[in-house]
Structure formats: structure tokens, C-alpha cells
Amino acid sequence: MVRSVRACSISETICEASIVVAEEQRYRAVAMRLERFDGVWQVTALEIG
């Protein structure tokens, strides 16, 4: 279950987001960088902890 989401726009084509996810009795952090190429958003970096 997603507990929180924070997004930060770096430029018109780059966005970074952090997500806190709960799974059973454990919480995990997810960080991702999204970049827009030819009108399509793609995840270019992903960290799960």
C-alpha cells in the first residue's frame, strides 16, 4: 500500500519522486527519476530500500 508520495519538478522534462510503501509490517522507500522523451515519461533511475 502506498503511504505517501512526494514529487519535485527539476525541469519541464525531468521529475524526481519519493514514495513510501507499506508491505505487511515493513515500510520501504522508493526513489525514482522520470524523464520525458518524445512526449513519453520514462523512469531513468530507480532505488528501492
PDB file of N, CA and C in Angstrom:
ATOM      1  N   MET A   1       0.840  -1.159   0.000  1.00  0.00           N
ATOM      2  CA  MET A   1       0.000   0.000   0.000  1.00  0.00           C
ATOM      3  C   MET A   1       0.897   1.237   0.000  1.00  0.00           C
ATOM      4  N   VAL A   2       0.596   2.175  -0.858  1.00  0.00           N
ATOM      5  CA  VAL A   2       1.357   3.421  -0.927  1.00  0.00           C
ATOM      6  C   VAL A   2       0.921   4.312   0.231  1.00  0.00           C
ATOM      7  N   ARG A   3       1.877   4.740   1.042  1.00  0.00           N
ATOM      8  CA  ARG A   3       1.587   5.573   2.211  1.00  0.00           C
ATOM      9  C   ARG A   3       1.769   7.060   1.917  1.00  0.00           C
ATOM     10  N   SER A   4       2.771   7.423   1.108  1.00  0.00           N
ATOM     11  CA  SER A   4       2.959   8.828   0.754  1.00  0.00           C
ATOM     12  C   SER A   4       3.758   8.939  -0.537  1.00  0.00           C
ATOM     13  N   VAL A   5       3.546  10.056  -1.220  1.00  0.00           N
ATOM     14  CA  VAL A   5       4.259  10.348  -2.467  1.00  0.00           C
ATOM     15  C   VAL A   5       4.662  11.812  -2.440  1.00  0.00           C
ATOM     16  N   ARG A   6       5.891  12.082  -2.815  1.00  0.00           N
ATOM     17  CA  ARG A   6       6.393  13.449  -2.944  1.00  0.00           C
ATOM     18  C   ARG A   6       7.057  13.552  -4.310  1.00  0.00           C
ATOM     19  N   ALA A   7       6.744  14.607  -5.034  1.00  0.00           N
ATOM     20  CA  ALA A   7       7.334  14.802  -6.354  1.00  0.00           C
ATOM     21  C   ALA A   7       7.933  16.192  -6.441  1.00  0.00           C
ATOM     22  N   CYS A   8       9.027  16.283  -7.182  1.00  0.00           N
ATOM     23  CA  CYS A   8       9.724  17.553  -7.366  1.00  0.00           C
ATOM     24  C   CYS A   8      10.058  17.694  -8.845  1.00  0.00           C
ATOM     25  N   SER A   9       9.597  18.778  -9.436  1.00  0.00           N
ATOM     26  CA  SER A   9       9.883  19.046 -10.834  1.00  0.00           C
ATOM     27  C   SER A   9      11.246  19.732 -10.938  1.00  0.00           C
ATOM     28  N   ILE A  10      12.171  19.088 -11.618  1.00  0.00           N
ATOM     29  CA  ILE A  10      13.514  19.628 -11.804  1.00  0.00           C
ATOM     30  C   ILE A  10      13.541  20.568 -13.010  1.00  0.00           C
ATOM     31  N   SER A  11      12.852  20.170 -14.066  1.00  0.00           N
ATOM     32  CA  SER A  11      12.710  20.985 -15.269  1.00  0.00           C
ATOM     33  C   SER A  11      11.425  20.552 -15.954  1.00  0.00           C
ATOM     34  N   GLU A  12      11.185  21.055 -17.160  1.00  0.00           N
ATOM     35  CA  GLU A  12       9.976  20.664 -17.889  1.00  0.00           C
ATOM     36  C   GLU A  12      10.004  19.203 -18.323  1.00  0.00           C
ATOM     37  N   THR A  13      11.177  18.616 -18.384  1.00  0.00           N
ATOM     38  CA  THR A  13      11.297  17.233 -18.856  1.00  0.00           C
ATOM     39  C   THR A  13      11.834  16.265 -17.811  1.00  0.00           C
ATOM     40  N   ILE A  14      12.084  16.747 -16.590  1.00  0.00           N
ATOM     41  CA  ILE A  14      12.637  15.880 -15.537  1.00  0.00           C
ATOM     42  C   ILE A  14      11.858  16.074 -14.248  1.00  0.00           C
ATOM     43  N   CYS A  15      11.516  14.960 -13.620  1.00  0.00           N
ATOM     44  CA  CYS A  15      10.804  14.981 -12.345  1.00  0.00           C
ATOM     45  C   CYS A  15      11.411  13.893 -11.452  1.00  0.00           C
ATOM     46  N   GLU A  16      11.541  14.176 -10.165  1.00  0.00           N
ATOM     47  CA  GLU A  16      12.009  13.172  -9.211  1.00  0.00           C
ATOM     48  C   GLU A  16      10.914  12.944  -8.178  1.00  0.00           C
ATOM     49  N   ALA A  17      10.764  11.699  -7.751  1.00  0.00           N
ATOM     50  CA  ALA A  17       9.701  11.358  -6.808  1.00  0.00           C
ATOM     51  C   ALA A  17      10.230  10.422  -5.732  1.00  0.00           C
ATOM     52  N   SER A  18       9.654  10.556  -4.539  1.00  0.00           N
ATOM     53  CA  SER A  18       9.947   9.618  -3.461  1.00  0.00           C
ATOM     54  C   SER A  18       8.616   9.067  -2.962  1.00  0.00           C
ATOM     55  N   ILE A  19       8.595   7.774  -2.707  1.00  0.00           N
ATOM     56  CA  ILE A  19       7.373   7.082  -2.317  1.00  0.00           C
ATOM     57  C   ILE A  19       7.674   6.223  -1.096  1.00  0.00           C
ATOM     58  N   VAL A  20       6.754   6.199  -0.145  1.00  0.00           N
ATOM     59  CA  VAL A  20       6.842   5.285   0.994  1.00  0.00           C
ATOM     60  C   VAL A  20       5.763   4.229   0.805  1.00  0.00           C
ATOM     61  N   VAL A  21       6.192   2.961   0.810  1.00  0.00           N
ATOM     62  CA  VAL A  21       5.293   1.842   0.564  1.00  0.00           C
ATOM     63  C   VAL A  21       5.279   0.939   1.786  1.00  0.00           C
ATOM     64  N   ALA A  22       4.086   0.537   2.222  1.00  0.00           N
ATOM     65  CA  ALA A  22       3.954  -0.394   3.345  1.00  0.00           C
ATOM     66  C   ALA A  22       3.649  -1.786   2.789  1.00  0.00           C
ATOM     67  N   GLU A  23       4.402  -2.770   3.247  1.00  0.00           N
ATOM     68  CA  GLU A  23       4.119  -4.161   2.880  1.00  0.00           C
ATOM     69  C   GLU A  23       4.127  -4.990   4.157  1.00  0.00           C
ATOM     70  N   GLU A  24       2.975  -5.501   4.481  1.00  0.00           N
ATOM     71  CA  GLU A  24       2.744  -6.227   5.727  1.00  0.00           C
ATOM     72  C   GLU A  24       3.198  -5.374   6.907  1.00  0.00           C
ATOM     73  N   GLN A  25       4.244  -5.753   7.639  1.00  0.00           N
ATOM     74  CA  GLN A  25       4.681  -4.981   8.801  1.00  0.00           C
ATOM     75  C   GLN A  25       5.980  -4.230   8.523  1.00  0.00           C
ATOM     76  N   ARG A  26       6.266  -3.982   7.273  1.00  0.00           N
ATOM     77  CA  ARG A  26       7.511  -3.345   6.893  1.00  0.00           C
ATOM     78  C   ARG A  26       7.241  -2.172   5.954  1.00  0.00           C
ATOM     79  N   TYR A  27       8.029  -1.135   6.087  1.00  0.00           N
ATOM     80  CA  TYR A  27       7.933   0.017   5.202  1.00  0.00           C
ATOM     81  C   TYR A  27       9.165   0.079   4.316  1.00  0.00           C
ATOM     82  N   ARG A  28       8.985   0.510   3.082  1.00  0.00           N
ATOM     83  CA  ARG A  28      10.094   0.646   2.145  1.00  0.00           C
ATOM     84  C   ARG A  28      10.039   2.024   1.507  1.00  0.00           C
ATOM     85  N   ALA A  29      11.212   2.531   1.157  1.00  0.00           N
ATOM     86  CA  ALA A  29      11.308   3.804   0.449  1.00  0.00           C
ATOM     87  C   ALA A  29      11.631   3.509  -1.017  1.00  0.00           C
ATOM     88  N   VAL A  30      11.009   4.249  -1.891  1.00  0.00           N
ATOM     89  CA  VAL A  30      11.262   4.129  -3.325  1.00  0.00           C
ATOM     90  C   VAL A  30      11.577   5.530  -3.843  1.00  0.00           C
ATOM     91  N   ALA A  31      12.664   5.649  -4.581  1.00  0.00           N
ATOM     92  CA  ALA A  31      13.027   6.927  -5.198  1.00  0.00           C
ATOM     93  C   ALA A  31      13.161   6.691  -6.695  1.00  0.00           C
ATOM     94  N   MET A  32      12.638   7.629  -7.475  1.00  0.00           N
ATOM     95  CA  MET A  32      12.749   7.479  -8.921  1.00  0.00           C
ATOM     96  C   MET A  32      12.920   8.814  -9.617  1.00  0.00           C
ATOM     97  N   ARG A  33      13.579   8.750 -10.738  1.00  0.00           N
ATOM     98  CA  ARG A  33      13.756   9.915 -11.601  1.00  0.00           C
ATOM     99  C   ARG A  33      13.046   9.597 -12.911  1.00  0.00           C
ATOM    100  N   LEU A  34      12.189  10.501 -13.339  1.00  0.00           N
ATOM    101  CA  LEU A  34      11.456  10.328 -14.584  1.00  0.00           C
ATOM    102  C   LEU A  34      11.881  11.411 -15.570  1.00  0.00           C
ATOM    103  N   GLU A  35      12.064  11.011 -16.817  1.00  0.00           N
ATOM    104  CA  GLU A  35      12.434  11.952 -17.862  1.00  0.00           C
ATOM    105  C   GLU A  35      11.500  11.759 -19.052  1.00  0.00           C
ATOM    106  N   ARG A  36      11.127  12.874 -19.657  1.00  0.00           N
ATOM    107  CA  ARG A  36      10.209  12.822 -20.799  1.00  0.00           C
ATOM    108  C   ARG A  36      11.006  12.828 -22.099  1.00  0.00           C
ATOM    109  N   PHE A  37      10.799  11.791 -22.903  1.00  0.00           N
ATOM    110  CA  PHE A  37      11.419  11.645 -24.218  1.00  0.00           C
ATOM    111  C   PHE A  37      10.317  11.498 -25.250  1.00  0.00           C
ATOM    112  N   ASP A  38      10.292  12.367 -26.224  1.00  0.00           N
ATOM    113  CA  ASP A  38       9.285  12.317 -27.297  1.00  0.00           C
ATOM    114  C   ASP A  38       7.861  12.258 -26.745  1.00  0.00           C
ATOM    115  N   GLY A  39       7.608  12.995 -25.658  1.00  0.00           N
ATOM    116  CA  GLY A  39       6.263  13.062 -25.084  1.00  0.00           C
ATOM    117  C   GLY A  39       5.893  11.907 -24.175  1.00  0.00           C
ATOM    118  N   VAL A  40       6.810  10.978 -23.934  1.00  0.00           N
ATOM    119  CA  VAL A  40       6.544   9.807 -23.083  1.00  0.00           C
ATOM    120  C   VAL A  40       7.438   9.871 -21.852  1.00  0.00           C
ATOM    121  N   TRP A  41       6.849   9.712 -20.663  1.00  0.00           N
ATOM    122  CA  TRP A  41       7.622   9.706 -19.421  1.00  0.00           C
ATOM    123  C   TRP A  41       8.230   8.321 -19.203  1.00  0.00           C
ATOM    124  N   GLN A  42       9.532   8.305 -18.903  1.00  0.00           N
ATOM    125  CA  GLN A  42      10.238   7.051 -18.649  1.00  0.00           C
ATOM    126  C   GLN A  42      11.007   7.150 -17.347  1.00  0.00           C
ATOM    127  N   VAL A  43      11.038   6.067 -16.582  1.00  0.00           N
ATOM    128  CA  VAL A  43      11.841   6.016 -15.359  1.00  0.00           C
ATOM    129  C   VAL A  43      13.289   5.758 -15.786  1.00  0.00           C
ATOM    130  N   THR A  44      14.169   6.699 -15.428  1.00  0.00           N
ATOM    131  CA  THR A  44      15.577   6.567 -15.810  1.00  0.00           C
ATOM    132  C   THR A  44      16.469   6.164 -14.634  1.00  0.00           C
ATOM    133  N   ALA A  45      15.939   6.264 -13.409  1.00  0.00           N
ATOM    134  CA  ALA A  45      16.677   5.817 -12.220  1.00  0.00           C
ATOM    135  C   ALA A  45      15.653   5.344 -11.196  1.00  0.00           C
ATOM    136  N   LEU A  46      15.976   4.228 -10.532  1.00  0.00           N
ATOM    137  CA  LEU A  46      15.060   3.647  -9.547  1.00  0.00           C
ATOM    138  C   LEU A  46      15.871   3.067  -8.405  1.00  0.00           C
ATOM    139  N   GLU A  47      15.528   3.460  -7.187  1.00  0.00           N
ATOM    140  CA  GLU A  47      16.172   2.931  -5.970  1.00  0.00           C
ATOM    141  C   GLU A  47      15.071   2.440  -5.033  1.00  0.00           C
ATOM    142  N   ILE A  48      15.219   1.230  -4.534  1.00  0.00           N
ATOM    143  CA  ILE A  48      14.257   0.667  -3.592  1.00  0.00           C
ATOM    144  C   ILE A  48      15.020   0.247  -2.348  1.00  0.00           C
ATOM    145  N   GLY A  49      14.576   0.733  -1.205  1.00  0.00           N
ATOM    146  CA  GLY A  49      15.289   0.421   0.031  1.00  0.00           C
ATOM    147  C   GLY A  49      14.400  -0.067   1.117  1.00  0.00           C
TER     148      GLY A  49
END
